[in-house]
PDB file of all heavy atoms in Angstrom:
ATOM      1  N   ALA A   1     105.967  74.168  56.432  1.00  0.00           N
ATOM      2  CA  ALA A   1     105.909  73.223  57.537  1.00  0.00           C
ATOM      3  C   ALA A   1     106.256  73.912  58.748  1.00  0.00           C
ATOM      4  O   ALA A   1     107.073  74.835  58.822  1.00  0.00           O
ATOM      5  CB  ALA A   1     106.793  71.976  57.237  1.00  0.00           C
ATOM      6  N   PHE A   2     105.872  73.366  59.937  1.00  0.00           N
ATOM      7  CA  PHE A   2     106.147  73.874  61.239  1.00  0.00           C
ATOM      8  C   PHE A   2     106.861  72.770  62.016  1.00  0.00           C
ATOM      9  O   PHE A   2     106.486  71.555  61.916  1.00  0.00           O
ATOM     10  CB  PHE A   2     104.888  74.404  61.920  1.00  0.00           C
ATOM     11  CG  PHE A   2     104.293  75.590  61.197  1.00  0.00           C
ATOM     12  CD1 PHE A   2     103.300  75.358  60.261  1.00  0.00           C
ATOM     13  CD2 PHE A   2     104.824  76.874  61.466  1.00  0.00           C
ATOM     14  CE1 PHE A   2     102.761  76.459  59.562  1.00  0.00           C
ATOM     15  CE2 PHE A   2     104.204  77.922  60.794  1.00  0.00           C
ATOM     16  CZ  PHE A   2     103.198  77.778  59.845  1.00  0.00           C
ATOM     17  N   VAL A   3     107.767  73.178  62.935  1.00  0.00           N
ATOM     18  CA  VAL A   3     108.458  72.168  63.775  1.00  0.00           C
ATOM     19  C   VAL A   3     108.582  72.798  65.151  1.00  0.00           C
ATOM     20  O   VAL A   3     108.589  74.066  65.273  1.00  0.00           O
ATOM     21  CB  VAL A   3     109.859  71.787  63.318  1.00  0.00           C
ATOM     22  CG1 VAL A   3     109.783  71.055  61.908  1.00  0.00           C
ATOM     23  CG2 VAL A   3     110.712  73.059  63.190  1.00  0.00           C
ATOM     24  N   LEU A   4     108.586  71.934  66.201  1.00  0.00           N
ATOM     25  CA  LEU A   4     108.963  72.489  67.510  1.00  0.00           C
ATOM     26  C   LEU A   4     110.406  72.841  67.556  1.00  0.00           C
ATOM     27  O   LEU A   4     111.238  72.230  66.907  1.00  0.00           O
ATOM     28  CB  LEU A   4     108.652  71.380  68.586  1.00  0.00           C
ATOM     29  CG  LEU A   4     107.269  70.946  68.850  1.00  0.00           C
ATOM     30  CD1 LEU A   4     107.272  69.791  69.801  1.00  0.00           C
ATOM     31  CD2 LEU A   4     106.356  72.094  69.386  1.00  0.00           C
ATOM     32  N   LEU A   5     110.706  73.966  68.273  1.00  0.00           N
ATOM     33  CA  LEU A   5     112.064  74.281  68.435  1.00  0.00           C
ATOM     34  C   LEU A   5     112.801  73.286  69.307  1.00  0.00           C
ATOM     35  O   LEU A   5     112.242  72.542  69.947  1.00  0.00           O
ATOM     36  CB  LEU A   5     112.146  75.704  69.060  1.00  0.00           C
ATOM     37  CG  LEU A   5     111.707  76.805  68.169  1.00  0.00           C
ATOM     38  CD1 LEU A   5     111.692  78.170  68.941  1.00  0.00           C
ATOM     39  CD2 LEU A   5     112.687  76.946  67.001  1.00  0.00           C
ATOM     40  N   PRO A   6     114.147  73.154  69.087  1.00  0.00           N
ATOM     41  CA  PRO A   6     114.891  72.099  69.713  1.00  0.00           C
ATOM     42  C   PRO A   6     114.737  72.042  71.230  1.00  0.00           C
ATOM     43  O   PRO A   6     114.814  70.944  71.816  1.00  0.00           O
ATOM     44  CB  PRO A   6     116.333  72.335  69.281  1.00  0.00           C
ATOM     45  CG  PRO A   6     116.259  73.132  68.077  1.00  0.00           C
ATOM     46  CD  PRO A   6     114.954  73.947  68.166  1.00  0.00           C
ATOM     47  N   ASP A   7     114.514  73.124  71.891  1.00  0.00           N
ATOM     48  CA  ASP A   7     114.417  73.215  73.389  1.00  0.00           C
ATOM     49  C   ASP A   7     112.987  73.049  73.900  1.00  0.00           C
ATOM     50  O   ASP A   7     112.727  73.238  75.086  1.00  0.00           O
ATOM     51  CB  ASP A   7     115.001  74.506  73.955  1.00  0.00           C
ATOM     52  CG  ASP A   7     116.576  74.556  73.667  1.00  0.00           C
ATOM     53  OD1 ASP A   7     117.209  73.500  73.732  1.00  0.00           O
ATOM     54  OD2 ASP A   7     117.010  75.710  73.499  1.00  0.00           O
ATOM     55  N   VAL A   8     112.073  72.625  72.941  1.00  0.00           N
ATOM     56  CA  VAL A   8     110.689  72.442  73.414  1.00  0.00           C
ATOM     57  C   VAL A   8     110.372  70.907  73.278  1.00  0.00           C
ATOM     58  O   VAL A   8     110.658  70.298  72.274  1.00  0.00           O
ATOM     59  CB  VAL A   8     109.777  73.245  72.491  1.00  0.00           C
ATOM     60  CG1 VAL A   8     108.278  72.965  72.864  1.00  0.00           C
ATOM     61  CG2 VAL A   8     110.087  74.676  72.600  1.00  0.00           C
ATOM     62  N   THR A   9     109.881  70.424  74.380  1.00  0.00           N
ATOM     63  CA  THR A   9     109.441  69.033  74.368  1.00  0.00           C
ATOM     64  C   THR A   9     107.889  68.959  74.537  1.00  0.00           C
ATOM     65  O   THR A   9     107.230  69.804  75.131  1.00  0.00           O
ATOM     66  CB  THR A   9     110.082  68.266  75.450  1.00  0.00           C
ATOM     67  OG1 THR A   9     109.750  68.839  76.786  1.00  0.00           O
ATOM     68  CG2 THR A   9     111.574  68.104  75.271  1.00  0.00           C
ATOM     69  N   ALA A  10     107.317  67.866  73.961  1.00  0.00           N
ATOM     70  CA  ALA A  10     105.909  67.719  74.081  1.00  0.00           C
ATOM     71  C   ALA A  10     105.528  66.403  74.785  1.00  0.00           C
ATOM     72  O   ALA A  10     106.242  65.426  74.561  1.00  0.00           O
ATOM     73  CB  ALA A  10     105.280  67.690  72.636  1.00  0.00           C
ATOM     74  N   ALA A  11     104.567  66.414  75.610  1.00  0.00           N
ATOM     75  CA  ALA A  11     104.171  65.197  76.316  1.00  0.00           C
ATOM     76  C   ALA A  11     102.700  65.104  76.265  1.00  0.00           C
ATOM     77  O   ALA A  11     101.930  66.077  76.434  1.00  0.00           O
ATOM     78  CB  ALA A  11     104.626  65.258  77.767  1.00  0.00           C
ATOM     79  N   GLU A  12     102.189  63.900  76.002  1.00  0.00           N
ATOM     80  CA  GLU A  12     100.754  63.596  75.979  1.00  0.00           C
ATOM     81  C   GLU A  12     100.207  63.812  77.331  1.00  0.00           C
ATOM     82  O   GLU A  12     100.761  63.411  78.377  1.00  0.00           O
ATOM     83  CB  GLU A  12     100.480  62.182  75.505  1.00  0.00           C
ATOM     84  CG  GLU A  12     100.934  61.952  74.100  1.00  0.00           C
ATOM     85  CD  GLU A  12     100.074  62.650  73.036  1.00  0.00           C
ATOM     86  OE1 GLU A  12      98.848  62.894  73.291  1.00  0.00           O
ATOM     87  OE2 GLU A  12     100.591  62.993  72.005  1.00  0.00           O
ATOM     88  N   ALA A  13      99.033  64.348  77.419  1.00  0.00           N
ATOM     89  CA  ALA A  13      98.240  64.476  78.686  1.00  0.00           C
ATOM     90  C   ALA A  13      96.937  63.853  78.457  1.00  0.00           C
ATOM     91  O   ALA A  13      96.506  63.635  77.362  1.00  0.00           O
ATOM     92  CB  ALA A  13      98.126  65.968  79.052  1.00  0.00           C
ATOM     93  N   ASP A  14      96.229  63.678  79.590  1.00  0.00           N
ATOM     94  CA  ASP A  14      94.862  63.015  79.446  1.00  0.00           C
ATOM     95  C   ASP A  14      94.001  63.758  78.526  1.00  0.00           C
ATOM     96  O   ASP A  14      93.128  63.147  77.855  1.00  0.00           O
ATOM     97  CB  ASP A  14      94.277  62.903  80.883  1.00  0.00           C
ATOM     98  CG  ASP A  14      94.928  61.870  81.728  1.00  0.00           C
ATOM     99  OD1 ASP A  14      95.625  60.952  81.158  1.00  0.00           O
ATOM    100  OD2 ASP A  14      94.837  61.953  82.961  1.00  0.00           O
ATOM    101  N   ASP A  15      94.086  65.089  78.607  1.00  0.00           N
ATOM    102  CA  ASP A  15      93.068  65.889  77.825  1.00  0.00           C
ATOM    103  C   ASP A  15      93.725  66.760  76.755  1.00  0.00           C
ATOM    104  O   ASP A  15      93.188  67.723  76.313  1.00  0.00           O
ATOM    105  CB  ASP A  15      92.248  66.783  78.779  1.00  0.00           C
ATOM    106  CG  ASP A  15      93.145  67.704  79.571  1.00  0.00           C
ATOM    107  OD1 ASP A  15      94.400  67.444  79.650  1.00  0.00           O
ATOM    108  OD2 ASP A  15      92.609  68.529  80.239  1.00  0.00           O
ATOM    109  N   GLY A  16      94.943  66.418  76.339  1.00  0.00           N
ATOM    110  CA  GLY A  16      95.590  67.181  75.230  1.00  0.00           C
ATOM    111  C   GLY A  16      97.143  66.918  75.228  1.00  0.00           C
ATOM    112  O   GLY A  16      97.566  65.812  75.217  1.00  0.00           O
ATOM    113  N   LEU A  17      97.802  68.040  75.337  1.00  0.00           N
ATOM    114  CA  LEU A  17      99.280  68.030  75.131  1.00  0.00           C
ATOM    115  C   LEU A  17      99.860  69.107  76.011  1.00  0.00           C
ATOM    116  O   LEU A  17      99.318  70.175  76.180  1.00  0.00           O
ATOM    117  CB  LEU A  17      99.620  68.278  73.651  1.00  0.00           C
ATOM    118  CG  LEU A  17     100.910  67.959  73.062  1.00  0.00           C
ATOM    119  CD1 LEU A  17     101.229  66.476  73.157  1.00  0.00           C
ATOM    120  CD2 LEU A  17     100.960  68.471  71.652  1.00  0.00           C
ATOM    121  N   VAL A  18     101.089  68.701  76.582  1.00  0.00           N
ATOM    122  CA  VAL A  18     101.797  69.705  77.395  1.00  0.00           C
ATOM    123  C   VAL A  18     103.121  70.002  76.691  1.00  0.00           C
ATOM    124  O   VAL A  18     103.835  69.037  76.311  1.00  0.00           O
ATOM    125  CB  VAL A  18     102.004  69.216  78.835  1.00  0.00           C
ATOM    126  CG1 VAL A  18     102.893  70.182  79.566  1.00  0.00           C
ATOM    127  CG2 VAL A  18     100.713  69.061  79.562  1.00  0.00           C
ATOM    128  N   LEU A  19     103.394  71.294  76.486  1.00  0.00           N
ATOM    129  CA  LEU A  19     104.698  71.692  75.890  1.00  0.00           C
ATOM    130  C   LEU A  19     105.564  72.209  77.002  1.00  0.00           C
ATOM    131  O   LEU A  19     105.037  73.029  77.831  1.00  0.00           O
ATOM    132  CB  LEU A  19     104.495  72.724  74.778  1.00  0.00           C
ATOM    133  CG  LEU A  19     103.510  72.352  73.586  1.00  0.00           C
ATOM    134  CD1 LEU A  19     103.429  73.518  72.753  1.00  0.00           C
ATOM    135  CD2 LEU A  19     104.065  71.082  72.932  1.00  0.00           C
ATOM    136  N   LEU A  20     106.804  71.873  77.049  1.00  0.00           N
ATOM    137  CA  LEU A  20     107.743  72.444  78.001  1.00  0.00           C
ATOM    138  C   LEU A  20     108.883  73.149  77.223  1.00  0.00           C
ATOM    139  O   LEU A  20     109.482  72.626  76.488  1.00  0.00           O
ATOM    140  CB  LEU A  20     108.412  71.372  78.925  1.00  0.00           C
ATOM    141  CG  LEU A  20     109.563  71.777  79.761  1.00  0.00           C
ATOM    142  CD1 LEU A  20     109.205  72.883  80.724  1.00  0.00           C
ATOM    143  CD2 LEU A  20     110.174  70.601  80.398  1.00  0.00           C
ATOM    144  N   ASP A  21     109.035  74.498  77.528  1.00  0.00           N
ATOM    145  CA  ASP A  21     110.109  75.251  77.067  1.00  0.00           C
ATOM    146  C   ASP A  21     111.212  75.158  77.954  1.00  0.00           C
ATOM    147  O   ASP A  21     111.146  75.765  79.040  1.00  0.00           O
ATOM    148  CB  ASP A  21     109.645  76.709  76.860  1.00  0.00           C
ATOM    149  CG  ASP A  21     110.663  77.611  76.208  1.00  0.00           C
ATOM    150  OD1 ASP A  21     111.845  77.180  76.122  1.00  0.00           O
ATOM    151  OD2 ASP A  21     110.360  78.678  75.764  1.00  0.00           O
ATOM    152  N   GLN A  22     112.206  74.272  77.610  1.00  0.00           N
ATOM    153  CA  GLN A  22     113.307  74.126  78.527  1.00  0.00           C
ATOM    154  C   GLN A  22     114.269  75.313  78.721  1.00  0.00           C
ATOM    155  O   GLN A  22     115.048  75.287  79.674  1.00  0.00           O
ATOM    156  CB  GLN A  22     114.133  72.881  77.989  1.00  0.00           C
ATOM    157  CG  GLN A  22     113.270  71.559  77.983  1.00  0.00           C
ATOM    158  CD  GLN A  22     114.003  70.445  77.436  1.00  0.00           C
ATOM    159  OE1 GLN A  22     115.263  70.274  77.563  1.00  0.00           O
ATOM    160  NE2 GLN A  22     113.305  69.599  76.723  1.00  0.00           N
ATOM    161  N   ARG A  23     114.086  76.276  77.894  1.00  0.00           N
ATOM    162  CA  ARG A  23     114.986  77.496  78.015  1.00  0.00           C
ATOM    163  C   ARG A  23     114.567  78.230  79.250  1.00  0.00           C
ATOM    164  O   ARG A  23     115.389  78.851  79.885  1.00  0.00           O
ATOM    165  CB  ARG A  23     114.877  78.308  76.800  1.00  0.00           C
ATOM    166  CG  ARG A  23     115.458  77.647  75.548  1.00  0.00           C
ATOM    167  CD  ARG A  23     115.000  78.438  74.349  1.00  0.00           C
ATOM    168  NE  ARG A  23     113.586  78.224  74.188  1.00  0.00           N
ATOM    169  CZ  ARG A  23     112.821  78.628  73.216  1.00  0.00           C
ATOM    170  NH1 ARG A  23     113.448  79.154  72.109  1.00  0.00           N
ATOM    171  NH2 ARG A  23     111.549  78.457  73.166  1.00  0.00           N
ATOM    172  N   ASN A  24     113.303  78.295  79.605  1.00  0.00           N
ATOM    173  CA  ASN A  24     112.776  79.130  80.694  1.00  0.00           C
ATOM    174  C   ASN A  24     111.920  78.309  81.656  1.00  0.00           C
ATOM    175  O   ASN A  24     111.407  78.901  82.633  1.00  0.00           O
ATOM    176  CB  ASN A  24     112.094  80.372  80.199  1.00  0.00           C
ATOM    177  CG  ASN A  24     110.883  80.002  79.277  1.00  0.00           C
ATOM    178  OD1 ASN A  24     110.305  78.980  79.415  1.00  0.00           O
ATOM    179  ND2 ASN A  24     110.517  80.953  78.486  1.00  0.00           N
ATOM    180  N   GLY A  25     111.641  77.056  81.439  1.00  0.00           N
ATOM    181  CA  GLY A  25     110.895  76.255  82.384  1.00  0.00           C
ATOM    182  C   GLY A  25     109.400  76.448  82.324  1.00  0.00           C
ATOM    183  O   GLY A  25     108.633  75.893  83.141  1.00  0.00           O
ATOM    184  N   ARG A  26     108.908  77.172  81.325  1.00  0.00           N
ATOM    185  CA  ARG A  26     107.452  77.467  81.189  1.00  0.00           C
ATOM    186  C   ARG A  26     106.830  76.282  80.544  1.00  0.00           C
ATOM    187  O   ARG A  26     107.285  75.677  79.564  1.00  0.00           O
ATOM    188  CB  ARG A  26     107.230  78.698  80.372  1.00  0.00           C
ATOM    189  CG  ARG A  26     107.635  79.990  81.096  1.00  0.00           C
ATOM    190  CD  ARG A  26     107.239  81.254  80.375  1.00  0.00           C
ATOM    191  NE  ARG A  26     105.803  81.286  80.322  1.00  0.00           N
ATOM    192  CZ  ARG A  26     105.089  82.112  79.567  1.00  0.00           C
ATOM    193  NH1 ARG A  26     105.728  82.971  78.867  1.00  0.00           N
ATOM    194  NH2 ARG A  26     103.768  82.152  79.666  1.00  0.00           N
ATOM    195  N   TYR A  27     105.596  75.910  81.080  1.00  0.00           N
ATOM    196  CA  TYR A  27     104.675  74.932  80.458  1.00  0.00           C
ATOM    197  C   TYR A  27     103.560  75.583  79.700  1.00  0.00           C
ATOM    198  O   TYR A  27     103.151  76.625  80.148  1.00  0.00           O
ATOM    199  CB  TYR A  27     104.158  74.097  81.557  1.00  0.00           C
ATOM    200  CG  TYR A  27     105.056  73.098  82.190  1.00  0.00           C
ATOM    201  CD1 TYR A  27     105.874  73.519  83.336  1.00  0.00           C
ATOM    202  CD2 TYR A  27     105.230  71.786  81.739  1.00  0.00           C
ATOM    203  CE1 TYR A  27     106.693  72.599  83.916  1.00  0.00           C
ATOM    204  CE2 TYR A  27     106.141  70.892  82.336  1.00  0.00           C
ATOM    205  CZ  TYR A  27     106.780  71.363  83.448  1.00  0.00           C
ATOM    206  OH  TYR A  27     107.681  70.495  84.020  1.00  0.00           O
ATOM    207  N   TRP A  28     103.196  74.919  78.688  1.00  0.00           N
ATOM    208  CA  TRP A  28     102.013  75.331  77.909  1.00  0.00           C
ATOM    209  C   TRP A  28     101.085  74.101  77.834  1.00  0.00           C
ATOM    210  O   TRP A  28     101.534  73.025  77.373  1.00  0.00           O
ATOM    211  CB  TRP A  28     102.401  75.731  76.473  1.00  0.00           C
ATOM    212  CG  TRP A  28     103.123  77.019  76.474  1.00  0.00           C
ATOM    213  CD1 TRP A  28     104.414  77.314  76.917  1.00  0.00           C
ATOM    214  CD2 TRP A  28     102.648  78.294  76.040  1.00  0.00           C
ATOM    215  NE1 TRP A  28     104.744  78.555  76.767  1.00  0.00           N
ATOM    216  CE2 TRP A  28     103.689  79.286  76.200  1.00  0.00           C
ATOM    217  CE3 TRP A  28     101.469  78.736  75.444  1.00  0.00           C
ATOM    218  CZ2 TRP A  28     103.579  80.615  75.822  1.00  0.00           C
ATOM    219  CZ3 TRP A  28     101.445  80.048  75.089  1.00  0.00           C
ATOM    220  CH2 TRP A  28     102.379  80.956  75.255  1.00  0.00           C
ATOM    221  N   GLN A  29      99.889  74.276  78.186  1.00  0.00           N
ATOM    222  CA  GLN A  29      98.954  73.083  78.094  1.00  0.00           C
ATOM    223  C   GLN A  29      97.939  73.367  77.043  1.00  0.00           C
ATOM    224  O   GLN A  29      97.279  74.383  77.063  1.00  0.00           O
ATOM    225  CB  GLN A  29      98.178  72.895  79.452  1.00  0.00           C
ATOM    226  CG  GLN A  29      97.387  71.636  79.393  1.00  0.00           C
ATOM    227  CD  GLN A  29      96.973  71.167  80.774  1.00  0.00           C
ATOM    228  OE1 GLN A  29      97.366  71.779  81.787  1.00  0.00           O
ATOM    229  NE2 GLN A  29      96.087  70.233  80.890  1.00  0.00           N
ATOM    230  N   LEU A  30      97.798  72.457  76.114  1.00  0.00           N
ATOM    231  CA  LEU A  30      96.848  72.477  75.015  1.00  0.00           C
ATOM    232  C   LEU A  30      95.765  71.508  75.246  1.00  0.00           C
ATOM    233  O   LEU A  30      95.985  70.339  75.617  1.00  0.00           O
ATOM    234  CB  LEU A  30      97.476  72.170  73.694  1.00  0.00           C
ATOM    235  CG  LEU A  30      98.742  73.010  73.312  1.00  0.00           C
ATOM    236  CD1 LEU A  30      99.260  72.571  71.970  1.00  0.00           C
ATOM    237  CD2 LEU A  30      98.333  74.533  73.219  1.00  0.00           C
ATOM    238  N   ASN A  31      94.492  71.966  75.054  1.00  0.00           N
ATOM    239  CA  ASN A  31      93.390  70.985  75.204  1.00  0.00           C
ATOM    240  C   ASN A  31      93.350  70.097  73.962  1.00  0.00           C
ATOM    241  O   ASN A  31      94.259  70.203  73.138  1.00  0.00           O
ATOM    242  CB  ASN A  31      92.097  71.799  75.355  1.00  0.00           C
ATOM    243  CG  ASN A  31      91.723  72.661  74.146  1.00  0.00           C
ATOM    244  OD1 ASN A  31      92.210  72.420  73.041  1.00  0.00           O
ATOM    245  ND2 ASN A  31      90.834  73.549  74.282  1.00  0.00           N
ATOM    246  N   GLY A  32      92.387  69.211  73.888  1.00  0.00           N
ATOM    247  CA  GLY A  32      92.326  68.224  72.846  1.00  0.00           C
ATOM    248  C   GLY A  32      92.306  68.838  71.439  1.00  0.00           C
ATOM    249  O   GLY A  32      93.077  68.396  70.567  1.00  0.00           O
ATOM    250  N   THR A  33      91.536  69.906  71.262  1.00  0.00           N
ATOM    251  CA  THR A  33      91.474  70.572  69.983  1.00  0.00           C
ATOM    252  C   THR A  33      92.789  71.309  69.604  1.00  0.00           C
ATOM    253  O   THR A  33      93.306  71.232  68.459  1.00  0.00           O
ATOM    254  CB  THR A  33      90.304  71.529  69.902  1.00  0.00           C
ATOM    255  OG1 THR A  33      89.140  70.842  70.275  1.00  0.00           O
ATOM    256  CG2 THR A  33      90.186  72.143  68.514  1.00  0.00           C
ATOM    257  N   GLY A  34      93.356  71.942  70.613  1.00  0.00           N
ATOM    258  CA  GLY A  34      94.674  72.540  70.375  1.00  0.00           C
ATOM    259  C   GLY A  34      95.746  71.587  70.118  1.00  0.00           C
ATOM    260  O   GLY A  34      96.577  71.828  69.183  1.00  0.00           O
ATOM    261  N   ALA A  35      95.718  70.453  70.777  1.00  0.00           N
ATOM    262  CA  ALA A  35      96.754  69.407  70.529  1.00  0.00           C
ATOM    263  C   ALA A  35      96.557  68.855  69.128  1.00  0.00           C
ATOM    264  O   ALA A  35      97.538  68.651  68.396  1.00  0.00           O
ATOM    265  CB  ALA A  35      96.562  68.269  71.509  1.00  0.00           C
ATOM    266  N   ALA A  36      95.215  68.658  68.723  1.00  0.00           N
ATOM    267  CA  ALA A  36      94.918  68.168  67.328  1.00  0.00           C
ATOM    268  C   ALA A  36      95.456  69.159  66.274  1.00  0.00           C
ATOM    269  O   ALA A  36      96.085  68.739  65.282  1.00  0.00           O
ATOM    270  CB  ALA A  36      93.444  67.882  67.166  1.00  0.00           C
ATOM    271  N   THR A  37      95.269  70.397  66.542  1.00  0.00           N
ATOM    272  CA  THR A  37      95.715  71.458  65.640  1.00  0.00           C
ATOM    273  C   THR A  37      97.171  71.481  65.559  1.00  0.00           C
ATOM    274  O   THR A  37      97.760  71.469  64.382  1.00  0.00           O
ATOM    275  CB  THR A  37      95.222  72.866  66.209  1.00  0.00           C
ATOM    276  OG1 THR A  37      93.855  72.823  66.236  1.00  0.00           O
ATOM    277  CG2 THR A  37      95.658  73.941  65.232  1.00  0.00           C
ATOM    278  N   LEU A  38      97.918  71.437  66.607  1.00  0.00           N
ATOM    279  CA  LEU A  38      99.367  71.460  66.615  1.00  0.00           C
ATOM    280  C   LEU A  38      99.941  70.149  65.891  1.00  0.00           C
ATOM    281  O   LEU A  38     100.896  70.312  65.019  1.00  0.00           O
ATOM    282  CB  LEU A  38      99.999  71.491  68.023  1.00  0.00           C
ATOM    283  CG  LEU A  38     101.460  71.419  68.063  1.00  0.00           C
ATOM    284  CD1 LEU A  38     102.137  72.543  67.264  1.00  0.00           C
ATOM    285  CD2 LEU A  38     101.950  71.501  69.542  1.00  0.00           C
ATOM    286  N   ARG A  39      99.299  69.042  66.096  1.00  0.00           N
ATOM    287  CA  ARG A  39      99.713  67.850  65.387  1.00  0.00           C
ATOM    288  C   ARG A  39      99.612  67.961  63.884  1.00  0.00           C
ATOM    289  O   ARG A  39     100.500  67.518  63.108  1.00  0.00           O
ATOM    290  CB  ARG A  39      98.992  66.597  65.895  1.00  0.00           C
ATOM    291  CG  ARG A  39      99.374  66.110  67.232  1.00  0.00           C
ATOM    292  CD  ARG A  39      98.670  64.899  67.668  1.00  0.00           C
ATOM    293  NE  ARG A  39      98.818  64.635  69.105  1.00  0.00           N
ATOM    294  CZ  ARG A  39      97.903  64.902  70.002  1.00  0.00           C
ATOM    295  NH1 ARG A  39      96.713  65.284  69.715  1.00  0.00           N
ATOM    296  NH2 ARG A  39      98.128  64.611  71.355  1.00  0.00           N
ATOM    297  N   LEU A  40      98.465  68.508  63.478  1.00  0.00           N
ATOM    298  CA  LEU A  40      98.310  68.720  61.974  1.00  0.00           C
ATOM    299  C   LEU A  40      99.325  69.711  61.428  1.00  0.00           C
ATOM    300  O   LEU A  40      99.927  69.365  60.420  1.00  0.00           O
ATOM    301  CB  LEU A  40      96.893  69.300  61.791  1.00  0.00           C
ATOM    302  CG  LEU A  40      95.719  68.368  61.964  1.00  0.00           C
ATOM    303  CD1 LEU A  40      94.377  69.138  61.889  1.00  0.00           C
ATOM    304  CD2 LEU A  40      95.737  67.214  60.983  1.00  0.00           C
ATOM    305  N   LEU A  41      99.636  70.739  62.167  1.00  0.00           N
ATOM    306  CA  LEU A  41     100.649  71.672  61.711  1.00  0.00           C
ATOM    307  C   LEU A  41     102.013  71.069  61.655  1.00  0.00           C
ATOM    308  O   LEU A  41     102.747  71.282  60.705  1.00  0.00           O
ATOM    309  CB  LEU A  41     100.626  72.927  62.532  1.00  0.00           C
ATOM    310  CG  LEU A  41      99.397  73.809  62.505  1.00  0.00           C
ATOM    311  CD1 LEU A  41      99.397  74.848  63.657  1.00  0.00           C
ATOM    312  CD2 LEU A  41      99.222  74.408  61.148  1.00  0.00           C
ATOM    313  N   LEU A  42     102.283  70.180  62.676  1.00  0.00           N
ATOM    314  CA  LEU A  42     103.618  69.582  62.658  1.00  0.00           C
ATOM    315  C   LEU A  42     103.690  68.453  61.615  1.00  0.00           C
ATOM    316  O   LEU A  42     104.768  68.079  61.182  1.00  0.00           O
ATOM    317  CB  LEU A  42     103.907  68.980  64.045  1.00  0.00           C
ATOM    318  CG  LEU A  42     104.060  69.965  65.235  1.00  0.00           C
ATOM    319  CD1 LEU A  42     104.265  69.200  66.526  1.00  0.00           C
ATOM    320  CD2 LEU A  42     105.197  70.919  64.984  1.00  0.00           C
ATOM    321  N   ASP A  43     102.544  67.952  61.224  1.00  0.00           N
ATOM    322  CA  ASP A  43     102.489  66.937  60.149  1.00  0.00           C
ATOM    323  C   ASP A  43     102.532  67.519  58.725  1.00  0.00           C
ATOM    324  O   ASP A  43     102.481  66.744  57.788  1.00  0.00           O
ATOM    325  CB  ASP A  43     101.237  66.017  60.263  1.00  0.00           C
ATOM    326  CG  ASP A  43     101.290  65.045  61.432  1.00  0.00           C
ATOM    327  OD1 ASP A  43     102.413  64.803  61.917  1.00  0.00           O
ATOM    328  OD2 ASP A  43     100.293  64.528  61.827  1.00  0.00           O
ATOM    329  N   GLY A  44     102.672  68.819  58.641  1.00  0.00           N
ATOM    330  CA  GLY A  44     102.839  69.450  57.349  1.00  0.00           C
ATOM    331  C   GLY A  44     101.628  70.150  56.818  1.00  0.00           C
ATOM    332  O   GLY A  44     101.622  70.721  55.694  1.00  0.00           O
ATOM    333  N   TYR A  45     100.534  70.145  57.485  1.00  0.00           N
ATOM    334  CA  TYR A  45      99.336  70.859  57.009  1.00  0.00           C
ATOM    335  C   TYR A  45      99.535  72.286  57.157  1.00  0.00           C
ATOM    336  O   TYR A  45     100.164  72.809  58.114  1.00  0.00           O
ATOM    337  CB  TYR A  45      98.124  70.456  57.946  1.00  0.00           C
ATOM    338  CG  TYR A  45      97.487  69.142  57.646  1.00  0.00           C
ATOM    339  CD1 TYR A  45      98.097  67.978  58.019  1.00  0.00           C
ATOM    340  CD2 TYR A  45      96.216  69.077  57.071  1.00  0.00           C
ATOM    341  CE1 TYR A  45      97.536  66.782  57.751  1.00  0.00           C
ATOM    342  CE2 TYR A  45      95.618  67.864  56.815  1.00  0.00           C
ATOM    343  CZ  TYR A  45      96.304  66.673  57.220  1.00  0.00           C
ATOM    344  OH  TYR A  45      95.723  65.460  57.011  1.00  0.00           O
TER     345      TYR A  45
END
């Protein structure tokens, strides 16, 4: 199983998902397919 690290937050976006690494302030934007992939991995796939 995979999990987000404790300092990483996820927020829904219109076209996917945005991840914020609070340790360094960097944002990662995932498109719809990337967001779906991450959700599956976080759900235990």
